[in-house]
C-alpha atoms as a PDB file:
ATOM      1  CA  MET A   1     100.202 110.721 105.256  1.00  0.00           C
ATOM      2  CA  LYS A   2     104.255 110.185 106.275  1.00  0.00           C
ATOM      3  CA  LEU A   3     106.101 107.797 105.193  1.00  0.00           C
ATOM      4  CA  ARG A   4     108.922 106.138 106.836  1.00  0.00           C
ATOM      5  CA  ILE A   5     111.719 103.249 107.563  1.00  0.00           C
ATOM      6  CA  THR A   6     113.438 102.257 110.690  1.00  0.00           C
ATOM      7  CA  ALA A   7     116.198 100.072 110.631  1.00  0.00           C
ATOM      8  CA  LEU A   8     118.380  98.610 112.820  1.00  0.00           C
ATOM      9  CA  GLY A   9     121.350  99.570 112.884  1.00  0.00           C
ATOM     10  CA  ARG A  10     123.414 102.552 111.232  1.00  0.00           C
ATOM     11  CA  VAL A  11     124.368 103.497 107.625  1.00  0.00           C
ATOM     12  CA  LYS A  12     127.444 105.539 107.285  1.00  0.00           C
ATOM     13  CA  SER A  13     128.694 107.630 105.096  1.00  0.00           C
ATOM     14  CA  GLY A  14     129.160 106.198 101.732  1.00  0.00           C
ATOM     15  CA  PRO A  15     127.215 105.372  98.714  1.00  0.00           C
ATOM     16  CA  GLU A  16     124.418 103.681 100.481  1.00  0.00           C
ATOM     17  CA  ARG A  17     124.110 106.502 102.675  1.00  0.00           C
ATOM     18  CA  ASP A  18     124.451 108.752  99.508  1.00  0.00           C
ATOM     19  CA  LEU A  19     120.889 107.002  97.889  1.00  0.00           C
ATOM     20  CA  VAL A  20     118.925 106.877 100.786  1.00  0.00           C
ATOM     21  CA  ASP A  21     119.080 110.052 101.638  1.00  0.00           C
ATOM     22  CA  ASP A  22     118.703 111.285  97.516  1.00  0.00           C
ATOM     23  CA  TYR A  23     115.164 108.930  97.669  1.00  0.00           C
ATOM     24  CA  THR A  24     113.974 110.544 100.354  1.00  0.00           C
ATOM     25  CA  GLY A  25     114.422 113.954  99.760  1.00  0.00           C
ATOM     26  CA  ARG A  26     113.177 113.249  96.085  1.00  0.00           C
ATOM     27  CA  GLY A  27     109.884 111.426  97.851  1.00  0.00           C
ATOM     28  CA  THR A  28     109.465 114.446 100.069  1.00  0.00           C
ATOM     29  CA  ALA A  29     109.697 116.498  97.347  1.00  0.00           C
ATOM     30  CA  THR A  30     106.956 115.370  95.052  1.00  0.00           C
ATOM     31  CA  GLY A  31     104.902 113.396  98.025  1.00  0.00           C
ATOM     32  CA  ARG A  32     103.645 117.433  99.050  1.00  0.00           C
ATOM     33  CA  ALA A  33     101.237 118.097  96.491  1.00  0.00           C
ATOM     34  CA  ILE A  34      99.513 114.540  96.892  1.00  0.00           C
ATOM     35  CA  GLY A  35      99.214 114.085 100.958  1.00  0.00           C
ATOM     36  CA  LEU A  36     102.373 112.259 100.932  1.00  0.00           C
ATOM     37  CA  GLY A  37     105.826 112.922 103.498  1.00  0.00           C
ATOM     38  CA  PRO A  38     107.344 113.701 104.469  1.00  0.00           C
ATOM     39  CA  LEU A  39     109.275 110.294 103.730  1.00  0.00           C
ATOM     40  CA  SER A  40     112.275 109.599 106.765  1.00  0.00           C
ATOM     41  CA  GLU A  41     114.477 107.146 108.227  1.00  0.00           C
ATOM     42  CA  THR A  42     114.875 106.560 111.811  1.00  0.00           C
ATOM     43  CA  GLU A  43     118.072 104.769 112.532  1.00  0.00           C
ATOM     44  CA  ILE A  44     117.526 102.143 116.129  1.00  0.00           C
ATOM     45  CA  ASP A  45     120.958 101.976 117.671  1.00  0.00           C
ATOM     46  CA  ASN A  46     121.464  98.171 117.557  1.00  0.00           C
ATOM     47  CA  ARG A  47     125.124  97.486 119.440  1.00  0.00           C
ATOM     48  CA  SER A  48     123.915  96.722 122.531  1.00  0.00           C
ATOM     49  CA  LEU A  49     120.628  94.049 121.189  1.00  0.00           C
ATOM     50  CA  LYS A  50     121.666  90.627 121.414  1.00  0.00           C
ATOM     51  CA  SER A  51     118.612  88.229 119.607  1.00  0.00           C
ATOM     52  CA  ALA A  52     116.209  88.979 117.217  1.00  0.00           C
ATOM     53  CA  ARG A  53     113.595  89.539 120.257  1.00  0.00           C
ATOM     54  CA  ASP A  54     115.423  92.169 121.414  1.00  0.00           C
ATOM     55  CA  GLU A  55     115.516  93.951 117.764  1.00  0.00           C
ATOM     56  CA  SER A  56     112.168  93.488 117.377  1.00  0.00           C
ATOM     57  CA  ARG A  57     111.379  95.156 121.013  1.00  0.00           C
ATOM     58  CA  ALA A  58     113.565  97.567 120.030  1.00  0.00           C
ATOM     59  CA  LEU A  59     111.530  97.957 116.737  1.00  0.00           C
ATOM     60  CA  ALA A  60     108.050  97.807 118.296  1.00  0.00           C
ATOM     61  CA  ALA A  61     108.824 100.485 120.831  1.00  0.00           C
ATOM     62  CA  SER A  62     109.205 102.983 118.093  1.00  0.00           C
ATOM     63  CA  LEU A  63     105.746 102.853 116.499  1.00  0.00           C
ATOM     64  CA  GLU A  64     102.851 105.432 117.386  1.00  0.00           C
ATOM     65  CA  PRO A  65      99.799 103.335 118.260  1.00  0.00           C
ATOM     66  CA  GLY A  66      97.805 103.340 114.707  1.00  0.00           C
ATOM     67  CA  VAL A  67     100.364 103.534 112.271  1.00  0.00           C
ATOM     68  CA  ARG A  68     100.442 101.075 109.700  1.00  0.00           C
ATOM     69  CA  LEU A  69     103.030  98.185 109.897  1.00  0.00           C
ATOM     70  CA  ILE A  70     104.989  97.034 107.007  1.00  0.00           C
ATOM     71  CA  LEU A  71     107.511  94.370 107.393  1.00  0.00           C
ATOM     72  CA  LEU A  72     110.707  93.710 105.398  1.00  0.00           C
ATOM     73  CA  ASP A  73     111.236  90.039 105.288  1.00  0.00           C
ATOM     74  CA  GLU A  74     112.020  87.882 102.840  1.00  0.00           C
ATOM     75  CA  ARG A  75     109.502  85.599 103.045  1.00  0.00           C
ATOM     76  CA  GLY A  76     106.818  88.341 102.813  1.00  0.00           C
ATOM     77  CA  LYS A  77     104.608  89.153  99.563  1.00  0.00           C
ATOM     78  CA  ALA A  78     106.533  90.591  96.631  1.00  0.00           C
ATOM     79  CA  LEU A  79     104.361  93.622  95.044  1.00  0.00           C
ATOM     80  CA  SER A  80     105.495  94.861  92.094  1.00  0.00           C
ATOM     81  CA  SER A  81     106.067  99.054  91.843  1.00  0.00           C
ATOM     82  CA  ARG A  82     101.967 100.117  91.138  1.00  0.00           C
ATOM     83  CA  GLN A  83     100.464  97.635  93.522  1.00  0.00           C
ATOM     84  CA  LEU A  84     102.877  98.933  95.931  1.00  0.00           C
ATOM     85  CA  ALA A  85     101.997 102.138  94.604  1.00  0.00           C
ATOM     86  CA  ARG A  86      98.385 101.260  95.272  1.00  0.00           C
ATOM     87  CA  GLN A  87      98.372 100.279  98.708  1.00  0.00           C
ATOM     88  CA  ILE A  88     100.288 103.031  99.833  1.00  0.00           C
ATOM     89  CA  GLY A  89      97.491 105.618  97.814  1.00  0.00           C
ATOM     90  CA  GLN A  90      94.746 103.051  99.583  1.00  0.00           C
ATOM     91  CA  TRP A  91      96.153 103.281 103.129  1.00  0.00           C
ATOM     92  CA  ARG A  92      96.395 107.319 102.396  1.00  0.00           C
ATOM     93  CA  ASP A  93      92.684 107.587 101.415  1.00  0.00           C
ATOM     94  CA  GLU A  94      91.739 105.443 104.661  1.00  0.00           C
ATOM     95  CA  GLY A  95      92.976 108.669 106.647  1.00  0.00           C
ATOM     96  CA  ALA A  96      96.231 107.010 107.638  1.00  0.00           C
ATOM     97  CA  ARG A  97      98.541 109.063 109.713  1.00  0.00           C
ATOM     98  CA  GLU A  98     101.801 107.209 108.722  1.00  0.00           C
ATOM     99  CA  ALA A  99     103.142 103.854 107.465  1.00  0.00           C
ATOM    100  CA  VAL A 100     106.557 102.643 109.031  1.00  0.00           C
ATOM    101  CA  PHE A 101     108.583 100.440 107.070  1.00  0.00           C
ATOM    102  CA  CYS A 102     110.451  98.228 109.256  1.00  0.00           C
ATOM    103  CA  ILE A 103     113.779  96.341 108.340  1.00  0.00           C
ATOM    104  CA  GLY A 104     114.750  93.822 111.107  1.00  0.00           C
ATOM    105  CA  GLY A 105     118.751  92.446 111.859  1.00  0.00           C
ATOM    106  CA  ALA A 106     120.513  89.682 110.431  1.00  0.00           C
ATOM    107  CA  ASP A 107     118.294  87.008 111.903  1.00  0.00           C
ATOM    108  CA  GLY A 108     114.594  88.632 110.807  1.00  0.00           C
ATOM    109  CA  HIS A 109     111.914  89.983 113.026  1.00  0.00           C
ATOM    110  CA  ASP A 110     110.049  87.751 116.275  1.00  0.00           C
ATOM    111  CA  ARG A 111     107.042  88.422 115.301  1.00  0.00           C
ATOM    112  CA  SER A 112     105.618  87.588 119.219  1.00  0.00           C
ATOM    113  CA  GLN A 113     107.338  90.684 119.770  1.00  0.00           C
ATOM    114  CA  LEU A 114     105.939  93.464 117.160  1.00  0.00           C
ATOM    115  CA  PRO A 115     102.496  94.048 116.405  1.00  0.00           C
ATOM    116  CA  GLN A 116     100.253  92.531 113.392  1.00  0.00           C
ATOM    117  CA  PRO A 117     101.334  94.049 110.245  1.00  0.00           C
ATOM    118  CA  ASP A 118      99.844  94.946 107.833  1.00  0.00           C
ATOM    119  CA  LEU A 119     101.729  94.444 105.235  1.00  0.00           C
ATOM    120  CA  THR A 120     105.290  91.643 105.015  1.00  0.00           C
ATOM    121  CA  LEU A 121     106.851  92.823 101.888  1.00  0.00           C
ATOM    122  CA  ALA A 122     109.816  90.837 100.272  1.00  0.00           C
ATOM    123  CA  PHE A 123     111.565  91.888  97.421  1.00  0.00           C
ATOM    124  CA  GLY A 124     112.241  88.790  95.729  1.00  0.00           C
ATOM    125  CA  PRO A 125     113.535  84.545  97.788  1.00  0.00           C
ATOM    126  CA  ALA A 126     116.932  86.563  97.480  1.00  0.00           C
ATOM    127  CA  VAL A 127     119.102  87.600 100.612  1.00  0.00           C
ATOM    128  CA  PHE A 128     120.521  91.271 100.473  1.00  0.00           C
ATOM    129  CA  PRO A 129     123.016  92.885 102.929  1.00  0.00           C
ATOM    130  CA  HIS A 130     120.896  95.460 104.841  1.00  0.00           C
ATOM    131  CA  LYS A 131     122.165  98.514 103.721  1.00  0.00           C
ATOM    132  CA  LEU A 132     120.969  97.982  99.805  1.00  0.00           C
ATOM    133  CA  VAL A 133     117.303  96.606 101.124  1.00  0.00           C
ATOM    134  CA  ARG A 134     117.418 100.444 103.069  1.00  0.00           C
ATOM    135  CA  VAL A 135     118.009 101.571  99.677  1.00  0.00           C
ATOM    136  CA  MET A 136     115.723  99.661  97.198  1.00  0.00           C
ATOM    137  CA  LEU A 137     113.023 100.548  99.994  1.00  0.00           C
ATOM    138  CA  ALA A 138     113.602 104.479  99.915  1.00  0.00           C
ATOM    139  CA  GLU A 139     114.297 104.075  96.190  1.00  0.00           C
ATOM    140  CA  GLN A 140     110.598 101.955  95.651  1.00  0.00           C
ATOM    141  CA  LEU A 141     108.739 104.299  98.119  1.00  0.00           C
ATOM    142  CA  TYR A 142     109.963 107.538  95.869  1.00  0.00           C
ATOM    143  CA  ARG A 143     108.659 105.019  92.886  1.00  0.00           C
ATOM    144  CA  ALA A 144     105.486 105.301  94.960  1.00  0.00           C
ATOM    145  CA  VAL A 145     105.019 108.254  95.266  1.00  0.00           C
ATOM    146  CA  SER A 146     105.775 109.285  91.686  1.00  0.00           C
ATOM    147  CA  ILE A 147     103.200 106.540  90.705  1.00  0.00           C
ATOM    148  CA  LEU A 148     100.985 108.655  93.012  1.00  0.00           C
ATOM    149  CA  ALA A 149     101.826 112.263  91.788  1.00  0.00           C
ATOM    150  CA  GLY A 150     101.699 110.876  87.979  1.00  0.00           C
ATOM    151  CA  THR A 151     104.970 111.489  87.141  1.00  0.00           C
ATOM    152  CA  PRO A 152     107.405 110.163  84.523  1.00  0.00           C
ATOM    153  CA  TYR A 153     109.795 108.423  86.610  1.00  0.00           C
ATOM    154  CA  HIS A 154     107.915 105.100  86.348  1.00  0.00           C
ATOM    155  CA  ARG A 155     108.120 103.484  83.155  1.00  0.00           C
ATOM    156  CA  ASP A 156     105.894 100.128  82.536  1.00  0.00           C
END
């Protein structure tokens, strides 16, 4: 099952870009043997998008039919790393071909413009800059793949 981060805007070169690239590369390499990957990223140009409605429409247009849709939202469910790994493993075992994790714009998602999500995920009640959310998500997806692969990366 493919794992994809879809986010509005671009993370330019610098430490955040380096971290996202590192974790997506690690996730891809680790996931091959267990039917996960590649772990990839899609950036949506949001310069001409004027509202959360426009941004959510652009996110929806990037989705293939039948994907598992995960929205990142501060009002979502906070899962432990093991819980996220279990959910990803369950989707894989059910035959899902792709899970897409969507990071919206500064004003969040306009739910009326998006398909019903399979999961709404939060990294707690705090609000984080979008560049950091992308890094944190890439790391958590790599961690989930590592847990499912039985590597020693994650420690409880």
